[in-house]
Amino acid sequence: MTGHLRDGVHQALRRFTQEQPPACQVDSLTALIRRGVRIDWPASDRLSCA
């Protein structure tokens, strides 16, 4: 199950940034999520208007 969270973080970062995320960033965010830290991503400029 540990790999599933890391894979999900990796996929989310790839979709959000449209590029390959550095492994250290994926690992850092995965660790924060495991500890229950809230992560806010300002995505308003990344969302297309419907």
PDB file of N, CA and C in Angstrom:
ATOM      1  N   MET A   1       0.821  -1.206   0.000  1.00  0.00           N
ATOM      2  CA  MET A   1       0.000   0.000   0.000  1.00  0.00           C
ATOM      3  C   MET A   1       0.856   1.257   0.000  1.00  0.00           C
ATOM      4  N   THR A   2       2.054   1.175   0.521  1.00  0.00           N
ATOM      5  CA  THR A   2       2.942   2.329   0.570  1.00  0.00           C
ATOM      6  C   THR A   2       3.201   2.883  -0.825  1.00  0.00           C
ATOM      7  N   GLY A   3       3.396   1.994  -1.794  1.00  0.00           N
ATOM      8  CA  GLY A   3       3.665   2.427  -3.153  1.00  0.00           C
ATOM      9  C   GLY A   3       2.479   3.095  -3.823  1.00  0.00           C
ATOM     10  N   HIS A   4       1.274   2.711  -3.417  1.00  0.00           N
ATOM     11  CA  HIS A   4       0.079   3.295  -4.030  1.00  0.00           C
ATOM     12  C   HIS A   4      -0.018   4.795  -3.748  1.00  0.00           C
ATOM     13  N   LEU A   5       0.268   5.197  -2.529  1.00  0.00           N
ATOM     14  CA  LEU A   5       0.208   6.615  -2.182  1.00  0.00           C
ATOM     15  C   LEU A   5       1.261   7.390  -2.963  1.00  0.00           C
ATOM     16  N   ARG A   6       2.487   6.866  -2.991  1.00  0.00           N
ATOM     17  CA  ARG A   6       3.567   7.550  -3.714  1.00  0.00           C
ATOM     18  C   ARG A   6       3.227   7.651  -5.206  1.00  0.00           C
ATOM     19  N   ASP A   7       2.686   6.576  -5.781  1.00  0.00           N
ATOM     20  CA  ASP A   7       2.291   6.600  -7.191  1.00  0.00           C
ATOM     21  C   ASP A   7       1.213   7.645  -7.440  1.00  0.00           C
ATOM     22  N   GLY A   8       0.253   7.738  -6.524  1.00  0.00           N
ATOM     23  CA  GLY A   8      -0.818   8.729  -6.658  1.00  0.00           C
ATOM     24  C   GLY A   8      -0.288  10.149  -6.579  1.00  0.00           C
ATOM     25  N   VAL A   9       0.649  10.384  -5.659  1.00  0.00           N
ATOM     26  CA  VAL A   9       1.270  11.717  -5.541  1.00  0.00           C
ATOM     27  C   VAL A   9       2.031  12.041  -6.823  1.00  0.00           C
ATOM     28  N   HIS A  10       2.759  11.077  -7.337  1.00  0.00           N
ATOM     29  CA  HIS A  10       3.524  11.283  -8.575  1.00  0.00           C
ATOM     30  C   HIS A  10       2.602  11.646  -9.735  1.00  0.00           C
ATOM     31  N   GLN A  11       1.515  10.898  -9.882  1.00  0.00           N
ATOM     32  CA  GLN A  11       0.567  11.164 -10.967  1.00  0.00           C
ATOM     33  C   GLN A  11      -0.090  12.536 -10.817  1.00  0.00           C
ATOM     34  N   ALA A  12      -0.452  12.885  -9.582  1.00  0.00           N
ATOM     35  CA  ALA A  12      -1.082  14.188  -9.355  1.00  0.00           C
ATOM     36  C   ALA A  12      -0.129  15.326  -9.694  1.00  0.00           C
ATOM     37  N   LEU A  13       1.124  15.197  -9.277  1.00  0.00           N
ATOM     38  CA  LEU A  13       2.102  16.240  -9.596  1.00  0.00           C
ATOM     39  C   LEU A  13       2.331  16.347 -11.096  1.00  0.00           C
ATOM     40  N   ARG A  14       2.385  15.212 -11.769  1.00  0.00           N
ATOM     41  CA  ARG A  14       2.576  15.242 -13.231  1.00  0.00           C
ATOM     42  C   ARG A  14       1.426  15.945 -13.926  1.00  0.00           C
ATOM     43  N   ARG A  15       0.214  15.655 -13.479  1.00  0.00           N
ATOM     44  CA  ARG A  15      -0.957  16.315 -14.089  1.00  0.00           C
ATOM     45  C   ARG A  15      -0.973  17.806 -13.773  1.00  0.00           C
ATOM     46  N   PHE A  16      -0.614  18.135 -12.541  1.00  0.00           N
ATOM     47  CA  PHE A  16      -0.669  19.523 -12.096  1.00  0.00           C
ATOM     48  C   PHE A  16       0.406  20.380 -12.769  1.00  0.00           C
ATOM     49  N   THR A  17       1.624  19.854 -12.862  1.00  0.00           N
ATOM     50  CA  THR A  17       2.736  20.647 -13.402  1.00  0.00           C
ATOM     51  C   THR A  17       2.983  20.414 -14.882  1.00  0.00           C
ATOM     52  N   GLN A  18       2.382  19.362 -15.450  1.00  0.00           N
ATOM     53  CA  GLN A  18       2.592  18.996 -16.851  1.00  0.00           C
ATOM     54  C   GLN A  18       4.049  18.650 -17.148  1.00  0.00           C
ATOM     55  N   GLU A  19       4.781  18.181 -16.136  1.00  0.00           N
ATOM     56  CA  GLU A  19       6.158  17.725 -16.333  1.00  0.00           C
ATOM     57  C   GLU A  19       6.486  16.657 -15.295  1.00  0.00           C
ATOM     58  N   GLN A  20       7.624  16.020 -15.476  1.00  0.00           N
ATOM     59  CA  GLN A  20       8.057  14.958 -14.566  1.00  0.00           C
ATOM     60  C   GLN A  20       8.504  15.569 -13.240  1.00  0.00           C
ATOM     61  N   PRO A  21       7.843  15.227 -12.126  1.00  0.00           N
ATOM     62  CA  PRO A  21       8.240  15.803 -10.838  1.00  0.00           C
ATOM     63  C   PRO A  21       9.513  15.150 -10.304  1.00  0.00           C
ATOM     64  N   PRO A  22      10.354  15.916  -9.613  1.00  0.00           N
ATOM     65  CA  PRO A  22      11.553  15.345  -9.007  1.00  0.00           C
ATOM     66  C   PRO A  22      11.164  14.326  -7.922  1.00  0.00           C
ATOM     67  N   ALA A  23      11.922  13.252  -7.822  1.00  0.00           N
ATOM     68  CA  ALA A  23      11.634  12.195  -6.840  1.00  0.00           C
ATOM     69  C   ALA A  23      11.625  12.752  -5.423  1.00  0.00           C
ATOM     70  N   CYS A  24      12.510  13.702  -5.122  1.00  0.00           N
ATOM     71  CA  CYS A  24      12.560  14.255  -3.770  1.00  0.00           C
ATOM     72  C   CYS A  24      11.262  15.004  -3.433  1.00  0.00           C
ATOM     73  N   GLN A  25      10.656  15.661  -4.403  1.00  0.00           N
ATOM     74  CA  GLN A  25       9.394  16.366  -4.178  1.00  0.00           C
ATOM     75  C   GLN A  25       8.260  15.373  -3.937  1.00  0.00           C
ATOM     76  N   VAL A  26       8.242  14.293  -4.715  1.00  0.00           N
ATOM     77  CA  VAL A  26       7.221  13.257  -4.546  1.00  0.00           C
ATOM     78  C   VAL A  26       7.356  12.637  -3.157  1.00  0.00           C
ATOM     79  N   ASP A  27       8.579  12.298  -2.771  1.00  0.00           N
ATOM     80  CA  ASP A  27       8.813  11.681  -1.459  1.00  0.00           C
ATOM     81  C   ASP A  27       8.437  12.622  -0.325  1.00  0.00           C
ATOM     82  N   SER A  28       8.761  13.894  -0.472  1.00  0.00           N
ATOM     83  CA  SER A  28       8.457  14.877   0.567  1.00  0.00           C
ATOM     84  C   SER A  28       6.948  15.036   0.753  1.00  0.00           C
ATOM     85  N   LEU A  29       6.223  15.181  -0.346  1.00  0.00           N
ATOM     86  CA  LEU A  29       4.771  15.324  -0.258  1.00  0.00           C
ATOM     87  C   LEU A  29       4.109  14.050   0.264  1.00  0.00           C
ATOM     88  N   THR A  30       4.625  12.899  -0.143  1.00  0.00           N
ATOM     89  CA  THR A  30       4.092  11.630   0.345  1.00  0.00           C
ATOM     90  C   THR A  30       4.254  11.531   1.856  1.00  0.00           C
ATOM     91  N   ALA A  31       5.412  11.934   2.361  1.00  0.00           N
ATOM     92  CA  ALA A  31       5.664  11.899   3.810  1.00  0.00           C
ATOM     93  C   ALA A  31       4.729  12.843   4.554  1.00  0.00           C
ATOM     94  N   LEU A  32       4.490  14.019   3.999  1.00  0.00           N
ATOM     95  CA  LEU A  32       3.575  14.977   4.633  1.00  0.00           C
ATOM     96  C   LEU A  32       2.155  14.414   4.701  1.00  0.00           C
ATOM     97  N   ILE A  33       1.714  13.791   3.628  1.00  0.00           N
ATOM     98  CA  ILE A  33       0.371  13.220   3.590  1.00  0.00           C
ATOM     99  C   ILE A  33       0.251  12.103   4.628  1.00  0.00           C
ATOM    100  N   ARG A  34       1.277  11.274   4.728  1.00  0.00           N
ATOM    101  CA  ARG A  34       1.242  10.186   5.722  1.00  0.00           C
ATOM    102  C   ARG A  34       1.133  10.731   7.139  1.00  0.00           C
ATOM    103  N   ARG A  35       1.732  11.892   7.387  1.00  0.00           N
ATOM    104  CA  ARG A  35       1.676  12.493   8.720  1.00  0.00           C
ATOM    105  C   ARG A  35       0.378  13.263   8.944  1.00  0.00           C
ATOM    106  N   GLY A  36      -0.426  13.396   7.899  1.00  0.00           N
ATOM    107  CA  GLY A  36      -1.706  14.073   8.042  1.00  0.00           C
ATOM    108  C   GLY A  36      -1.637  15.579   7.879  1.00  0.00           C
ATOM    109  N   VAL A  37      -0.556  16.068   7.280  1.00  0.00           N
ATOM    110  CA  VAL A  37      -0.403  17.501   7.055  1.00  0.00           C
ATOM    111  C   VAL A  37      -1.247  17.914   5.853  1.00  0.00           C
ATOM    112  N   ARG A  38      -1.993  18.992   6.005  1.00  0.00           N
ATOM    113  CA  ARG A  38      -2.817  19.502   4.903  1.00  0.00           C
ATOM    114  C   ARG A  38      -1.918  20.194   3.888  1.00  0.00           C
ATOM    115  N   ILE A  39      -2.126  19.891   2.626  1.00  0.00           N
ATOM    116  CA  ILE A  39      -1.332  20.479   1.551  1.00  0.00           C
ATOM    117  C   ILE A  39      -2.277  21.275   0.658  1.00  0.00           C
ATOM    118  N   ASP A  40      -2.037  22.568   0.551  1.00  0.00           N
ATOM    119  CA  ASP A  40      -2.839  23.432  -0.314  1.00  0.00           C
ATOM    120  C   ASP A  40      -2.054  23.728  -1.583  1.00  0.00           C
ATOM    121  N   TRP A  41      -2.650  23.456  -2.723  1.00  0.00           N
ATOM    122  CA  TRP A  41      -2.046  23.783  -4.008  1.00  0.00           C
ATOM    123  C   TRP A  41      -2.877  24.872  -4.656  1.00  0.00           C
ATOM    124  N   PRO A  42      -2.301  26.052  -4.861  1.00  0.00           N
ATOM    125  CA  PRO A  42      -3.056  27.116  -5.545  1.00  0.00           C
ATOM    126  C   PRO A  42      -3.209  26.736  -7.032  1.00  0.00           C
ATOM    127  N   ALA A  43      -4.362  26.200  -7.355  1.00  0.00           N
ATOM    128  CA  ALA A  43      -4.565  25.667  -8.697  1.00  0.00           C
ATOM    129  C   ALA A  43      -5.416  26.551  -9.587  1.00  0.00           C
ATOM    130  N   SER A  44      -5.810  27.695  -9.115  1.00  0.00           N
ATOM    131  CA  SER A  44      -6.738  28.510  -9.904  1.00  0.00           C
ATOM    132  C   SER A  44      -6.183  28.881 -11.263  1.00  0.00           C
ATOM    133  N   ASP A  45      -4.867  29.102 -11.376  1.00  0.00           N
ATOM    134  CA  ASP A  45      -4.290  29.454 -12.670  1.00  0.00           C
ATOM    135  C   ASP A  45      -4.091  28.236 -13.554  1.00  0.00           C
ATOM    136  N   ARG A  46      -4.237  27.032 -12.996  1.00  0.00           N
ATOM    137  CA  ARG A  46      -4.039  25.797 -13.752  1.00  0.00           C
ATOM    138  C   ARG A  46      -5.342  25.199 -14.271  1.00  0.00           C
ATOM    139  N   LEU A  47      -6.469  25.696 -13.792  1.00  0.00           N
ATOM    140  CA  LEU A  47      -7.747  25.135 -14.169  1.00  0.00           C
ATOM    141  C   LEU A  47      -8.305  25.855 -15.411  1.00  0.00           C
ATOM    142  N   SER A  48      -8.760  25.069 -16.335  1.00  0.00           N
ATOM    143  CA  SER A  48      -9.349  25.693 -17.523  1.00  0.00           C
ATOM    144  C   SER A  48     -10.762  26.146 -17.199  1.00  0.00           C
ATOM    145  N   CYS A  49     -11.187  27.160 -17.864  1.00  0.00           N
ATOM    146  CA  CYS A  49     -12.546  27.675 -17.658  1.00  0.00           C
ATOM    147  C   CYS A  49     -13.518  26.797 -18.435  1.00  0.00           C
ATOM    148  N   ALA A  50     -14.615  26.451 -17.791  1.00  0.00           N
ATOM    149  CA  ALA A  50     -15.607  25.586 -18.457  1.00  0.00           C
ATOM    150  C   ALA A  50     -16.684  26.434 -19.096  1.00  0.00           C
TER     151      ALA A  50
END
